[in-house]
């Protein structure tokens, strides 16, 4: 599992630091000073390091336990508050712990203050200020391998994989035994389609830390993407031998079964996960994947009911972030059911939840930008092309303010969707080719457009690529399979 893949919100926090160029021969002249971790308690420092060890293997429950023990020893430990935020379930806890980190930041070192400030900007979606804070951090600590790791994560989060690889590689020159670096190198190489390099990185990750469940989990995910489903299940099982509670591996096994056309077996695995779930977030993750299995086999109405149960869980916890996210998922499913009115209701309810929450104003502004993307798609499905275009232009205008590369790709995706609905297939192809090519639905839509133009070979090629992308736990992948494998199955 990629450490940057926790949730939509957590992903933003992983987008750390800005690129620094420091060749191998320069290391001797660069300061190797590390970012100080500030606490007045040796016990707190010890528990913090234990927590970080678990956090780096994505064993979040164990990590949270040690971060809390660190805070019991030193309640003013800003870095412990920040990292507790990262591993805690739900938006409300994250916001609360981030606020505590900010409140105690004045007692921390300059490096820690910059990291906390970057986390704040990342949460708010303000990448420009985030990058400036992190560039300063890198200038202060150019020889800290963890800083270089975070730098790589920043680029990885923006899907700028070559820059991420450069930063991760630089970090290995400082400390090649930092296992998590090789995990991130593997994911970056995989994203570029360099499966051989990715496999080398993941195998070295396992070699460095054979008792780390995440090492087996990451390699299993690569095998799944390569279509080696049974081998993938074997490595996910090895991860569970190390930690039976490693949620990501249960989900990985379920996804493999779904891709193999065995959604029933997938749901049996997910029921096991529900039984051992240690918090609401574990349960929610199992439920989301259950919905995905129904979508894979074309039963989108059942998926809607499953996601509604997830929404009720989030509502019971007053987890506004996940409530809003569930409503967006429901809106997307209603669009697949060609029920744009219900989709519009869900999207509107989502932004209402955000507006009524105590989330920072910057988060609410970003939510309204995403809402424009959703509204435009509804108008397109309803055949209100001019309204769709006007709303798309507003979305592009708002995205331009922050110039987030991921949202920039969404502009092209949205324009492609609108072009498809107005029958302008060549324009749609051009736009979708500028959108995220790791989104199977974009590839599928290109195939649909070529099919409409009568270019059958190109259509078949793109549709096959979309079907075989094998993206872990992706609703877009499930939708594609519902339109390919499901339609091929006998009725």
Protein backbone atom coordinates (compact mmCIF):
# COMPACT_ATOMS: atom_id res chain seq x y z
CA UNK A 1 0.00 0.00 0.00
CA UNK A 2 1.24 3.46 -0.87
CA UNK A 3 1.62 5.50 2.30
CA UNK A 4 0.10 8.48 0.44
CA UNK A 5 -3.17 6.61 -0.19
CA UNK A 6 -5.19 6.98 2.96
CA UNK A 7 -8.13 9.14 1.99
CA UNK A 8 -8.87 12.08 -0.20
CA UNK A 9 -8.13 14.44 2.68
CA UNK A 10 -5.07 12.64 3.99
CA UNK A 11 -3.62 12.54 0.51
CA UNK A 12 -3.44 16.30 0.53
CA UNK A 13 -1.36 16.21 3.71
CA UNK A 14 1.17 13.92 2.05
CA UNK A 15 1.96 16.46 -0.69
CA UNK A 16 5.08 17.73 1.05
CA UNK A 17 8.08 19.77 0.03
CA UNK A 18 9.62 21.16 -3.14
CA UNK A 19 12.34 19.79 -5.38
CA UNK A 20 15.98 20.21 -4.47
CA UNK A 21 18.89 19.18 -6.68
CA UNK A 22 21.82 17.69 -4.82
CA UNK A 23 24.01 15.28 -6.77
CA UNK A 24 25.78 12.38 -5.06
CA UNK A 25 29.14 14.07 -5.14
CA UNK A 26 27.70 17.09 -3.36
CA UNK A 27 26.58 15.16 -0.29
CA UNK A 28 29.95 15.58 1.38
CA UNK A 29 29.55 19.36 1.31
CA UNK A 30 25.87 19.50 2.23
CA UNK A 31 24.83 19.73 5.84
CA UNK A 32 23.46 16.39 7.03
CA UNK A 33 21.68 18.01 9.95
CA UNK A 34 18.29 16.43 10.70
CA UNK A 35 15.03 18.17 11.49
CA UNK A 36 14.93 18.42 15.31
CA UNK A 37 12.00 16.81 17.11
CA UNK A 38 11.21 18.92 20.16
CA UNK A 39 9.99 17.49 23.46
CA UNK A 40 10.92 17.94 27.09
CA UNK A 41 10.47 14.23 27.83
CA UNK A 42 12.76 11.34 26.90
CA UNK A 43 9.82 8.96 27.30
CA UNK A 44 7.77 11.05 24.88
CA UNK A 45 10.63 10.99 22.37
CA UNK A 46 10.88 7.19 22.61
CA UNK A 47 7.13 6.68 22.16
CA UNK A 48 7.11 9.12 19.24
CA UNK A 49 9.80 7.13 17.43
CA UNK A 50 7.84 3.91 18.00
CA UNK A 51 4.76 5.61 16.60
CA UNK A 52 6.67 6.76 13.52
CA UNK A 53 7.93 3.22 12.91
CA UNK A 54 4.34 1.96 12.82
CA UNK A 55 3.15 4.95 10.78
CA UNK A 56 5.78 4.19 8.13
CA UNK A 57 4.31 0.69 7.75
CA UNK A 58 0.74 2.07 7.68
CA UNK A 59 -0.18 0.29 10.91
CA UNK A 60 -2.21 3.28 12.00
CA UNK A 61 -3.92 1.88 15.10
CA UNK A 62 -0.57 0.90 16.62
CA UNK A 63 0.97 4.23 15.58
CA UNK A 64 -1.86 6.17 17.22
CA UNK A 65 -1.35 4.25 20.47
CA UNK A 66 2.29 5.30 20.71
CA UNK A 67 1.64 8.91 19.68
CA UNK A 68 -0.94 9.13 22.48
CA UNK A 69 1.59 7.69 24.94
CA UNK A 70 4.05 10.36 23.79
CA UNK A 71 1.45 13.03 24.43
CA UNK A 72 0.66 11.59 27.86
CA UNK A 73 4.31 12.21 28.70
CA UNK A 74 4.42 15.63 27.01
CA UNK A 75 1.06 17.25 26.13
CA UNK A 76 2.89 20.12 24.38
CA UNK A 77 4.63 17.81 21.86
CA UNK A 78 3.59 19.48 18.59
CA UNK A 79 4.99 16.85 16.21
CA UNK A 80 3.22 14.08 18.11
CA UNK A 81 -0.08 15.96 17.74
CA UNK A 82 0.51 16.37 14.00
CA UNK A 83 1.34 12.72 13.40
CA UNK A 84 -1.54 11.59 15.59
CA UNK A 85 -3.74 13.62 13.25
CA UNK A 86 -2.41 11.69 10.25
CA UNK A 87 -3.26 8.26 11.70
CA UNK A 88 -6.59 9.06 13.38
CA UNK A 89 -9.93 8.02 11.89
CA UNK A 90 -12.27 10.70 10.60
CA UNK A 91 -12.06 14.34 9.66
CA UNK A 92 -13.14 15.69 13.04
CA UNK A 93 -10.24 14.07 14.89
CA UNK A 94 -7.79 15.17 12.23
CA UNK A 95 -8.89 18.80 12.51
CA UNK A 96 -8.80 18.67 16.31
CA UNK A 97 -5.28 17.21 16.46
CA UNK A 98 -3.97 19.53 13.73
CA UNK A 99 -5.31 22.45 15.77
CA UNK A 100 -3.42 21.13 18.79
CA UNK A 101 -0.24 20.86 16.73
CA UNK A 102 -0.65 24.48 15.61
CA UNK A 103 -1.37 25.60 19.17
CA UNK A 104 1.91 24.11 20.44
CA UNK A 105 4.02 24.90 17.37
CA UNK A 106 5.72 27.87 19.03
CA UNK A 107 7.47 25.43 21.39
CA UNK A 108 8.77 23.33 18.47
CA UNK A 109 11.85 23.75 16.30
CA UNK A 110 11.80 25.87 13.16
CA UNK A 111 11.74 22.75 11.00
CA UNK A 112 8.75 21.31 12.85
CA UNK A 113 6.95 24.64 12.58
CA UNK A 114 7.40 24.64 8.82
CA UNK A 115 6.05 21.08 8.55
CA UNK A 116 2.99 21.98 10.64
CA UNK A 117 2.43 25.09 8.56
CA UNK A 118 2.69 23.01 5.38
CA UNK A 119 0.14 20.56 6.78
CA UNK A 120 -2.23 23.45 7.41
CA UNK A 121 -1.86 24.73 3.86
CA UNK A 122 -2.16 21.22 2.46
CA UNK A 123 -5.42 20.68 4.32
CA UNK A 124 -6.75 23.94 2.96
CA UNK A 125 -5.69 23.06 -0.59
CA UNK A 126 -3.33 26.02 -0.81
CA UNK A 127 -0.46 24.36 -2.68
CA UNK A 128 1.37 27.60 -3.45
CA UNK A 129 1.86 28.57 0.21
CA UNK A 130 2.44 24.95 1.12
CA UNK A 131 5.28 24.69 -1.37
CA UNK A 132 6.91 27.92 -0.18
CA UNK A 133 6.93 26.67 3.41
CA UNK A 134 8.41 23.36 2.37
CA UNK A 135 11.02 24.86 0.08
CA UNK A 136 12.32 26.76 3.06
CA UNK A 137 12.40 23.52 5.06
CA UNK A 138 14.48 21.80 2.39
CA UNK A 139 16.89 24.73 2.28
CA UNK A 140 17.41 24.39 6.03
CA UNK A 141 17.77 20.58 6.02
CA UNK A 142 19.04 19.46 2.57
CA UNK A 143 20.67 16.33 4.01
CA UNK A 144 17.66 14.97 5.91
CA UNK A 145 16.45 11.79 4.16
CA UNK A 146 13.01 12.17 5.71
CA UNK A 147 12.72 15.66 4.27
CA UNK A 148 13.64 14.26 0.86
CA UNK A 149 11.08 11.50 1.34
CA UNK A 150 8.41 14.09 2.05
CA UNK A 151 9.58 16.06 -0.95
CA UNK A 152 9.02 13.01 -3.11
CA UNK A 153 5.58 12.55 -1.57
CA UNK A 154 4.69 16.10 -2.54
CA UNK A 155 5.44 15.38 -6.19
CA UNK A 156 3.86 11.95 -6.00
CA UNK A 157 0.67 13.54 -4.71
CA UNK A 158 0.68 15.84 -7.72
CA UNK A 159 1.29 12.84 -10.02
CA UNK A 160 4.63 14.26 -11.08
CA UNK A 161 6.31 10.90 -10.79
CA UNK A 162 9.65 11.62 -12.43
CA UNK A 163 10.32 14.44 -9.99
CA UNK A 164 9.23 12.17 -7.15
CA UNK A 165 11.68 9.49 -8.26
CA UNK A 166 14.49 12.05 -8.36
CA UNK A 167 13.80 13.07 -4.78
CA UNK A 168 13.44 9.50 -3.50
CA UNK A 169 16.67 8.53 -5.24
CA UNK A 170 18.45 11.46 -3.61
CA UNK A 171 17.20 10.27 -0.24
CA UNK A 172 18.61 6.79 -0.86
CA UNK A 173 22.04 8.38 -1.30
CA UNK A 174 21.70 9.69 2.25
CA UNK A 175 20.20 6.50 3.71
CA UNK A 176 19.54 3.55 1.41
CA UNK A 177 18.22 1.52 4.33
CA UNK A 178 15.18 3.72 4.91
CA UNK A 179 12.73 1.08 3.75
CA UNK A 180 9.76 3.33 3.00
CA UNK A 181 11.79 5.07 0.27
CA UNK A 182 11.79 1.90 -1.80
CA UNK A 183 8.05 1.54 -1.35
CA UNK A 184 7.54 5.01 -2.79
CA UNK A 185 10.04 4.37 -5.59
CA UNK A 186 8.08 1.25 -6.49
CA UNK A 187 4.79 3.13 -6.70
CA UNK A 188 6.33 5.93 -8.75
CA UNK A 189 7.89 3.53 -11.24
CA UNK A 190 4.63 1.60 -11.44
CA UNK A 191 2.70 4.76 -12.24
CA UNK A 192 5.06 5.36 -15.18
CA UNK A 193 4.51 1.79 -16.40
CA UNK A 194 8.05 0.76 -15.49
CA UNK A 195 6.99 -2.56 -13.99
CA UNK A 196 10.49 -4.07 -13.95
CA UNK A 197 11.89 -1.19 -11.90
CA UNK A 198 8.84 -1.20 -9.67
CA UNK A 199 9.24 -4.91 -8.97
CA UNK A 200 12.91 -4.41 -8.05
CA UNK A 201 12.00 -1.63 -5.64
CA UNK A 202 9.23 -3.59 -3.92
CA UNK A 203 11.38 -6.71 -3.58
CA UNK A 204 14.15 -4.63 -1.99
CA UNK A 205 11.52 -3.11 0.32
CA UNK A 206 10.63 -6.65 1.45
CA UNK A 207 14.32 -7.51 1.88
CA UNK A 208 14.90 -4.48 4.12
CA UNK A 209 11.92 -5.20 6.32
CA UNK A 210 10.57 -8.72 5.98
CA UNK A 211 8.33 -8.33 9.03
CA UNK A 212 6.55 -5.31 7.54
CA UNK A 213 3.07 -6.24 6.25
CA UNK A 214 3.03 -3.19 4.01
CA UNK A 215 6.03 -4.50 2.06
CA UNK A 216 4.12 -7.60 0.96
CA UNK A 217 0.96 -5.53 0.45
CA UNK A 218 2.70 -3.10 -1.92
CA UNK A 219 4.19 -5.86 -4.05
CA UNK A 220 0.79 -7.58 -4.12
CA UNK A 221 -0.77 -4.40 -5.50
CA UNK A 222 1.78 -4.32 -8.32
CA UNK A 223 1.04 -7.96 -9.15
CA UNK A 224 -2.67 -7.16 -9.23
CA UNK A 225 -2.16 -4.28 -11.66
CA UNK A 226 -0.08 -6.59 -13.85
CA UNK A 227 -3.02 -9.02 -13.96
CA UNK A 228 -1.24 -11.66 -11.87
CA UNK A 229 -4.24 -11.97 -9.57
CA UNK A 230 -3.54 -15.30 -7.90
CA UNK A 231 0.07 -14.33 -7.11
CA UNK A 232 -1.24 -11.06 -5.77
CA UNK A 233 -3.61 -12.86 -3.41
CA UNK A 234 -0.66 -14.95 -2.15
CA UNK A 235 1.35 -11.84 -1.24
CA UNK A 236 -1.63 -10.15 0.37
CA UNK A 237 -1.98 -13.32 2.46
CA UNK A 238 1.70 -12.99 3.46
CA UNK A 239 0.98 -9.47 4.66
CA UNK A 240 -1.88 -10.80 6.78
CA UNK A 241 0.46 -13.41 8.25
CA UNK A 242 2.52 -10.50 9.60
CA UNK A 243 -0.56 -8.56 10.77
CA UNK A 244 -4.04 -10.14 10.51
CA UNK A 245 -5.53 -6.68 11.07
CA UNK A 246 -3.79 -5.07 8.10
CA UNK A 247 -6.91 -3.63 6.48
CA UNK A 248 -5.39 -2.82 3.10
CA UNK A 249 -4.56 -6.47 2.43
CA UNK A 250 -8.10 -7.65 3.14
CA UNK A 251 -9.28 -5.05 0.64
CA UNK A 252 -6.61 -6.10 -1.85
CA UNK A 253 -7.72 -9.74 -1.72
CA UNK A 254 -11.34 -8.66 -2.23
CA UNK A 255 -10.40 -6.55 -5.24
CA UNK A 256 -8.47 -9.43 -6.79
CA UNK A 257 -11.54 -11.65 -6.51
CA UNK A 258 -13.67 -8.91 -8.06
CA UNK A 259 -11.26 -8.63 -10.99
CA UNK A 260 -11.33 -12.42 -11.34
CA UNK A 261 -15.11 -12.20 -11.71
CA UNK A 262 -15.80 -13.66 -8.27
CA UNK A 263 -17.56 -10.83 -6.37
CA UNK A 264 -19.15 -13.31 -3.95
CA UNK A 265 -15.73 -14.44 -2.71
CA UNK A 266 -14.71 -10.78 -2.48
CA UNK A 267 -17.62 -10.05 -0.17
CA UNK A 268 -16.76 -13.04 2.05
CA UNK A 269 -13.31 -11.49 2.57
CA UNK A 270 -14.92 -8.15 3.39
CA UNK A 271 -17.24 -9.72 5.95
CA UNK A 272 -14.11 -11.04 7.68
CA UNK A 273 -12.71 -7.52 7.68
CA UNK A 274 -15.91 -6.16 9.23
CA UNK A 275 -15.66 -8.75 12.01
CA UNK A 276 -12.12 -7.70 12.98
CA UNK A 277 -12.56 -3.96 12.35
CA UNK A 278 -11.03 -1.95 15.19
CA UNK A 279 -12.76 1.33 14.45
CA UNK A 280 -15.46 2.89 12.29
CA UNK A 281 -12.99 3.77 9.54
CA UNK A 282 -12.00 0.10 9.11
CA UNK A 283 -15.69 -0.76 8.81
CA UNK A 284 -16.29 2.06 6.35
CA UNK A 285 -13.43 0.88 4.14
CA UNK A 286 -14.90 -2.62 4.03
CA UNK A 287 -18.33 -1.22 3.16
CA UNK A 288 -16.96 0.98 0.35
CA UNK A 289 -15.21 -2.01 -1.22
CA UNK A 290 -18.40 -4.05 -0.85
CA UNK A 291 -20.21 -1.37 -2.87
CA UNK A 292 -17.45 -1.54 -5.45
CA UNK A 293 -17.98 -5.31 -5.88
CA UNK A 294 -21.65 -4.72 -6.67
CA UNK A 295 -20.72 -2.09 -9.25
CA UNK A 296 -18.26 -4.52 -10.87
CA UNK A 297 -21.09 -6.94 -11.59
CA UNK A 298 -23.39 -4.18 -12.82
CA UNK A 299 -25.62 -3.98 -9.72
CA UNK A 300 -25.31 -0.25 -9.17
CA UNK A 301 -28.65 0.06 -7.35
CA UNK A 302 -27.37 -2.32 -4.68
CA UNK A 303 -24.15 -0.30 -4.46
CA UNK A 304 -26.24 2.79 -3.72
CA UNK A 305 -27.84 1.04 -0.75
CA UNK A 306 -24.43 -0.02 0.55
CA UNK A 307 -23.00 3.51 0.31
CA UNK A 308 -26.10 4.84 2.11
CA UNK A 309 -25.19 2.56 5.02
CA UNK A 310 -21.71 4.09 5.02
CA UNK A 311 -23.23 7.56 5.09
CA UNK A 312 -25.27 6.62 8.15
CA UNK A 313 -22.10 5.48 9.92
CA UNK A 314 -20.38 8.79 9.16
CA UNK A 315 -23.49 10.70 10.19
CA UNK A 316 -23.56 8.86 13.51
CA UNK A 317 -19.97 9.99 14.13
CA UNK A 318 -20.68 13.50 12.80
CA UNK A 319 -17.75 12.93 10.47
CA UNK A 320 -18.56 15.73 8.06
CA UNK A 321 -15.69 15.00 5.69
CA UNK A 322 -16.82 11.44 5.07
CA UNK A 323 -20.49 12.43 5.03
CA UNK A 324 -19.74 14.87 2.21
CA UNK A 325 -17.60 12.31 0.40
CA UNK A 326 -20.29 9.62 0.62
CA UNK A 327 -22.84 12.00 -0.87
CA UNK A 328 -20.51 12.69 -3.81
CA UNK A 329 -20.09 8.94 -4.35
CA UNK A 330 -23.87 8.56 -4.33
CA UNK A 331 -24.16 11.37 -6.86
CA UNK A 332 -21.69 9.62 -9.14
CA UNK A 333 -23.61 6.35 -8.87
CA UNK A 334 -26.89 8.09 -9.67
CA UNK A 335 -25.28 9.50 -12.80
CA UNK A 336 -24.35 5.95 -13.80
CA UNK A 337 -28.00 5.01 -13.29
CA UNK A 338 -28.95 7.95 -15.53
CA UNK A 339 -30.78 9.61 -12.66
CA UNK A 340 -29.35 13.16 -12.84
CA UNK A 341 -32.01 14.66 -10.57
CA UNK A 342 -31.04 12.34 -7.72
CA UNK A 343 -27.39 13.00 -8.49
CA UNK A 344 -27.98 16.75 -8.23
CA UNK A 345 -29.72 16.30 -4.88
CA UNK A 346 -26.78 14.30 -3.51
CA UNK A 347 -24.19 16.78 -4.77
CA UNK A 348 -26.15 19.69 -3.27
CA UNK A 349 -26.47 17.86 0.06
CA UNK A 350 -22.72 17.28 0.04
CA UNK A 351 -21.85 20.95 -0.26
CA UNK A 352 -24.51 21.82 2.34
CA UNK A 353 -22.80 19.46 4.81
CA UNK A 354 -19.49 21.22 4.16
CA UNK A 355 -20.99 24.70 4.44
CA UNK A 356 -22.64 23.92 7.80
CA UNK A 357 -19.47 22.36 9.22
CA UNK A 358 -16.66 23.89 11.26
CA UNK A 359 -14.12 23.13 8.54
CA UNK A 360 -11.75 25.99 7.67
CA UNK A 361 -13.05 28.51 5.15
CA UNK A 362 -10.34 27.56 2.67
CA UNK A 363 -11.60 23.95 2.71
CA UNK A 364 -15.13 25.16 2.07
CA UNK A 365 -13.94 27.25 -0.87
CA UNK A 366 -12.20 24.22 -2.34
CA UNK A 367 -15.37 22.21 -1.80
CA UNK A 368 -17.35 24.71 -3.83
CA UNK A 369 -14.81 24.40 -6.65
CA UNK A 370 -15.34 20.62 -6.72
CA UNK A 371 -19.10 21.20 -6.59
CA UNK A 372 -18.88 23.12 -9.88
CA UNK A 373 -17.26 20.05 -11.46
CA UNK A 374 -20.13 17.89 -10.23
CA UNK A 375 -22.84 20.33 -11.30
CA UNK A 376 -21.43 20.60 -14.81
CA UNK A 377 -21.58 16.83 -15.23
CA UNK A 378 -25.22 16.78 -14.13
CA UNK A 379 -26.11 19.48 -16.66
CA UNK A 380 -24.33 17.52 -19.39
CA UNK A 381 -26.29 14.35 -18.60
CA UNK A 382 -29.52 16.38 -18.62
CA UNK A 383 -28.66 17.70 -22.07
CA UNK A 384 -28.27 21.27 -20.82
CA UNK A 385 -25.01 21.71 -22.71
CA UNK A 386 -24.75 25.48 -22.44
CA UNK A 387 -25.23 25.38 -18.67
CA UNK A 388 -22.67 22.57 -18.51
CA UNK A 389 -20.17 24.67 -20.44
CA UNK A 390 -20.81 27.80 -18.38
CA UNK A 391 -20.31 25.83 -15.16
CA UNK A 392 -17.22 24.16 -16.60
CA UNK A 393 -15.75 27.60 -17.34
CA UNK A 394 -16.41 28.65 -13.73
CA UNK A 395 -14.70 25.48 -12.52
CA UNK A 396 -11.67 26.20 -14.72
CA UNK A 397 -11.54 29.77 -13.43
CA UNK A 398 -11.51 28.60 -9.80
CA UNK A 399 -8.91 25.91 -10.51
CA UNK A 400 -6.73 28.56 -12.13
CA UNK A 401 -6.48 30.43 -8.84
CA UNK A 402 -4.61 27.55 -7.16
CA UNK A 403 -3.33 25.84 -10.33
CA UNK A 404 -3.35 22.41 -8.70
CA UNK A 405 -2.12 19.94 -11.39
CA UNK A 406 -4.68 17.30 -10.39
CA UNK A 407 -7.58 19.72 -10.75
CA UNK A 408 -6.11 21.02 -14.01
CA UNK A 409 -6.42 17.47 -15.36
CA UNK A 410 -10.05 17.49 -14.24
CA UNK A 411 -10.72 20.50 -16.47
CA UNK A 412 -9.80 18.41 -19.50
CA UNK A 413 -11.85 15.48 -18.19
CA UNK A 414 -14.90 17.69 -17.74
CA UNK A 415 -14.57 19.21 -21.20
CA UNK A 416 -14.29 15.72 -22.63
CA UNK A 417 -17.48 14.61 -20.86
CA UNK A 418 -19.37 17.61 -22.23
CA UNK A 419 -18.04 17.02 -25.75
CA UNK A 420 -19.22 13.39 -25.56
CA UNK A 421 -22.72 14.48 -24.61
CA UNK A 422 -22.93 16.92 -27.51
CA UNK A 423 -21.62 14.29 -29.95
CA UNK A 424 -18.32 16.03 -30.64
CA UNK A 425 -16.24 12.86 -30.39
CA UNK A 426 -12.95 14.08 -31.84
CA UNK A 427 -12.88 16.97 -29.37
CA UNK A 428 -13.73 14.51 -26.59
CA UNK A 429 -10.76 12.32 -27.53
CA UNK A 430 -8.41 15.32 -27.52
CA UNK A 431 -9.62 16.43 -24.09
CA UNK A 432 -9.57 12.97 -22.49
CA UNK A 433 -6.01 12.46 -23.71
CA UNK A 434 -5.07 15.54 -21.65
CA UNK A 435 -6.86 14.15 -18.58
CA UNK A 436 -5.49 11.64 -16.07
CA UNK A 437 -4.42 8.55 -18.03
CA UNK A 438 -4.32 6.45 -14.87
CA UNK A 439 -8.09 6.84 -14.55
CA UNK A 440 -9.62 3.82 -16.33
CA UNK A 441 -12.86 5.67 -17.01
CA UNK A 442 -10.99 8.27 -19.09
CA UNK A 443 -9.45 5.50 -21.21
CA UNK A 444 -12.86 3.85 -21.55
CA UNK A 445 -14.42 7.12 -22.71
CA UNK A 446 -11.72 7.53 -25.35
CA UNK A 447 -12.66 4.05 -26.54
CA UNK A 448 -16.32 5.02 -26.65
CA UNK A 449 -15.50 8.11 -28.70
CA UNK A 450 -13.45 6.11 -31.21
CA UNK A 451 -16.29 3.60 -31.44
CA UNK A 452 -18.73 6.41 -32.25
CA UNK A 453 -16.35 7.54 -35.01
CA UNK A 454 -16.26 4.02 -36.43
CA UNK A 455 -12.58 3.47 -35.58
CA UNK A 456 -13.13 0.02 -34.12
CA UNK A 457 -9.52 -1.07 -33.59
CA UNK A 458 -8.62 2.05 -31.62
CA UNK A 459 -11.87 1.73 -29.67
CA UNK A 460 -11.14 -1.87 -28.72
CA UNK A 461 -7.56 -1.02 -27.74
CA UNK A 462 -8.55 1.76 -25.33
CA UNK A 463 -11.43 -0.20 -23.83
CA UNK A 464 -9.12 -3.17 -23.19
CA UNK A 465 -6.53 -0.86 -21.60
CA UNK A 466 -9.26 0.55 -19.34
CA UNK A 467 -10.45 -2.92 -18.35
CA UNK A 468 -6.93 -4.15 -17.62
CA UNK A 469 -5.68 -1.15 -15.65
CA UNK A 470 -6.72 -3.04 -12.49
CA UNK A 471 -6.70 -0.03 -10.16
CA UNK A 472 -7.01 -1.01 -6.51
CA UNK A 473 -10.30 -0.11 -4.82
CA UNK A 474 -11.32 2.32 -7.56
CA UNK A 475 -15.00 3.02 -8.23
CA UNK A 476 -14.04 4.20 -11.72
CA UNK A 477 -12.41 0.82 -12.36
CA UNK A 478 -15.53 -0.92 -11.09
CA UNK A 479 -17.74 1.13 -13.41
CA UNK A 480 -15.53 0.23 -16.38
CA UNK A 481 -15.74 -3.48 -15.50
CA UNK A 482 -19.52 -3.21 -15.26
CA UNK A 483 -19.48 -2.02 -18.87
CA UNK A 484 -16.95 -4.57 -20.16
CA UNK A 485 -16.65 -7.85 -18.24
CA UNK A 486 -20.25 -7.70 -17.01
CA UNK A 487 -21.65 -7.14 -20.48
CA UNK A 488 -19.56 -10.04 -21.79
CA UNK A 489 -20.99 -12.42 -19.21
CA UNK A 490 -23.99 -14.57 -20.14
CA UNK A 491 -27.27 -13.17 -18.84
